[in-house]
Amino acid sequence: MQSLHGNPIKIVSVKKGDADMCTVFEGARKEGVAEGEAKGIIETGYEFGLSEDDILTRLQKKLNISLQKAQEYLSMFGKQTV
């Protein structure tokens, strides 16, 4: 197995008909960006004394996401901040 900076790299063979790897990586990158933005919104909301309901509303509006996704982000990042 090859490594990059000491981390193992799994080489995956993609056959015709499989998902385009660029599409897979792009989706993962976008999710990472959204998580970073959500974390920032949550941290700032807590710093300014917003309620969790207000933070959820801001997440939904700023990231154009569902209430369920906003709740997932709040669950992921809300306990790390205060």
Protein backbone atom coordinates (compact mmCIF):
# COMPACT_ATOMS: atom_id res chain seq x y z
CA MET A 1 0.00 0.00 0.00
CA GLN A 2 1.31 3.46 -0.87
CA SER A 3 1.40 6.31 1.64
CA LEU A 4 1.27 10.07 1.65
CA HIS A 5 2.73 11.90 4.65
CA GLY A 6 2.67 8.62 6.57
CA ASN A 7 -1.02 7.99 5.84
CA PRO A 8 -1.95 4.92 3.83
CA ILE A 9 -3.54 5.51 0.43
CA LYS A 10 -5.94 2.97 -0.96
CA ILE A 11 -5.76 2.73 -4.73
CA VAL A 12 -9.19 2.12 -6.21
CA SER A 13 -9.80 0.91 -9.73
CA VAL A 14 -12.74 2.53 -11.44
CA LYS A 15 -14.48 0.63 -14.21
CA LYS A 16 -16.76 2.03 -16.87
CA GLY A 17 -20.19 2.47 -15.35
CA ASP A 18 -18.86 3.16 -11.85
CA ALA A 19 -19.26 6.58 -10.28
CA ASP A 20 -16.88 9.18 -11.64
CA MET A 21 -14.18 9.58 -8.96
CA CYS A 22 -13.98 13.32 -9.59
CA THR A 23 -17.68 13.56 -8.79
CA VAL A 24 -17.17 11.55 -5.59
CA PHE A 25 -14.28 13.76 -4.46
CA GLU A 26 -16.16 16.94 -5.37
CA GLY A 27 -19.14 15.83 -3.29
CA ALA A 28 -16.89 15.10 -0.32
CA ARG A 29 -15.18 18.49 -0.70
CA LYS A 30 -18.50 20.34 -0.79
CA GLU A 31 -19.69 18.49 2.31
CA GLY A 32 -16.47 19.47 4.10
CA VAL A 33 -16.96 23.12 3.15
CA ALA A 34 -20.58 23.04 4.34
CA GLU A 35 -19.51 21.50 7.66
CA GLY A 36 -16.91 24.22 8.12
CA GLU A 37 -19.46 26.93 7.42
CA ALA A 38 -21.95 25.30 9.79
CA LYS A 39 -19.36 25.12 12.56
CA GLY A 40 -18.61 28.83 12.13
CA ILE A 41 -22.30 29.76 12.23
CA ILE A 42 -22.84 27.67 15.35
CA GLU A 43 -19.79 29.05 17.17
CA THR A 44 -20.73 32.63 16.30
CA GLY A 45 -24.33 32.04 17.33
CA TYR A 46 -23.26 30.81 20.76
CA GLU A 47 -20.80 33.70 21.15
CA PHE A 48 -23.60 36.18 20.50
CA GLY A 49 -25.99 34.40 22.86
CA LEU A 50 -28.42 33.11 20.23
CA SER A 51 -30.80 30.34 21.18
CA GLU A 52 -30.44 26.94 19.53
CA ASP A 53 -33.66 27.62 17.61
CA ASP A 54 -32.18 30.85 16.23
CA ILE A 55 -28.97 29.03 15.31
CA LEU A 56 -30.95 26.31 13.53
CA THR A 57 -32.84 28.98 11.58
CA ARG A 58 -29.59 30.70 10.58
CA LEU A 59 -28.07 27.38 9.46
CA GLN A 60 -31.11 26.66 7.29
CA LYS A 61 -31.10 30.11 5.70
CA LYS A 62 -27.35 30.54 5.19
CA LEU A 63 -26.64 27.00 3.97
CA ASN A 64 -30.00 26.34 2.29
CA ILE A 65 -30.43 23.07 4.19
CA SER A 66 -33.30 21.23 5.85
CA LEU A 67 -34.11 21.48 9.54
CA GLN A 68 -32.94 17.87 9.93
CA LYS A 69 -29.51 18.65 8.41
CA ALA A 70 -29.22 21.79 10.57
CA GLN A 71 -29.98 19.68 13.65
CA GLU A 72 -27.27 17.20 12.62
CA TYR A 73 -24.73 20.03 12.37
CA LEU A 74 -25.81 21.45 15.73
CA SER A 75 -25.44 18.01 17.25
CA MET A 76 -21.98 17.60 15.70
CA PHE A 77 -20.59 21.03 16.57
CA GLY A 78 -22.80 22.46 19.30
CA LYS A 79 -21.22 20.57 22.17
CA GLN A 80 -17.68 21.46 21.09
CA THR A 81 -18.31 25.17 21.44
CA VAL A 82 -19.31 27.39 24.35
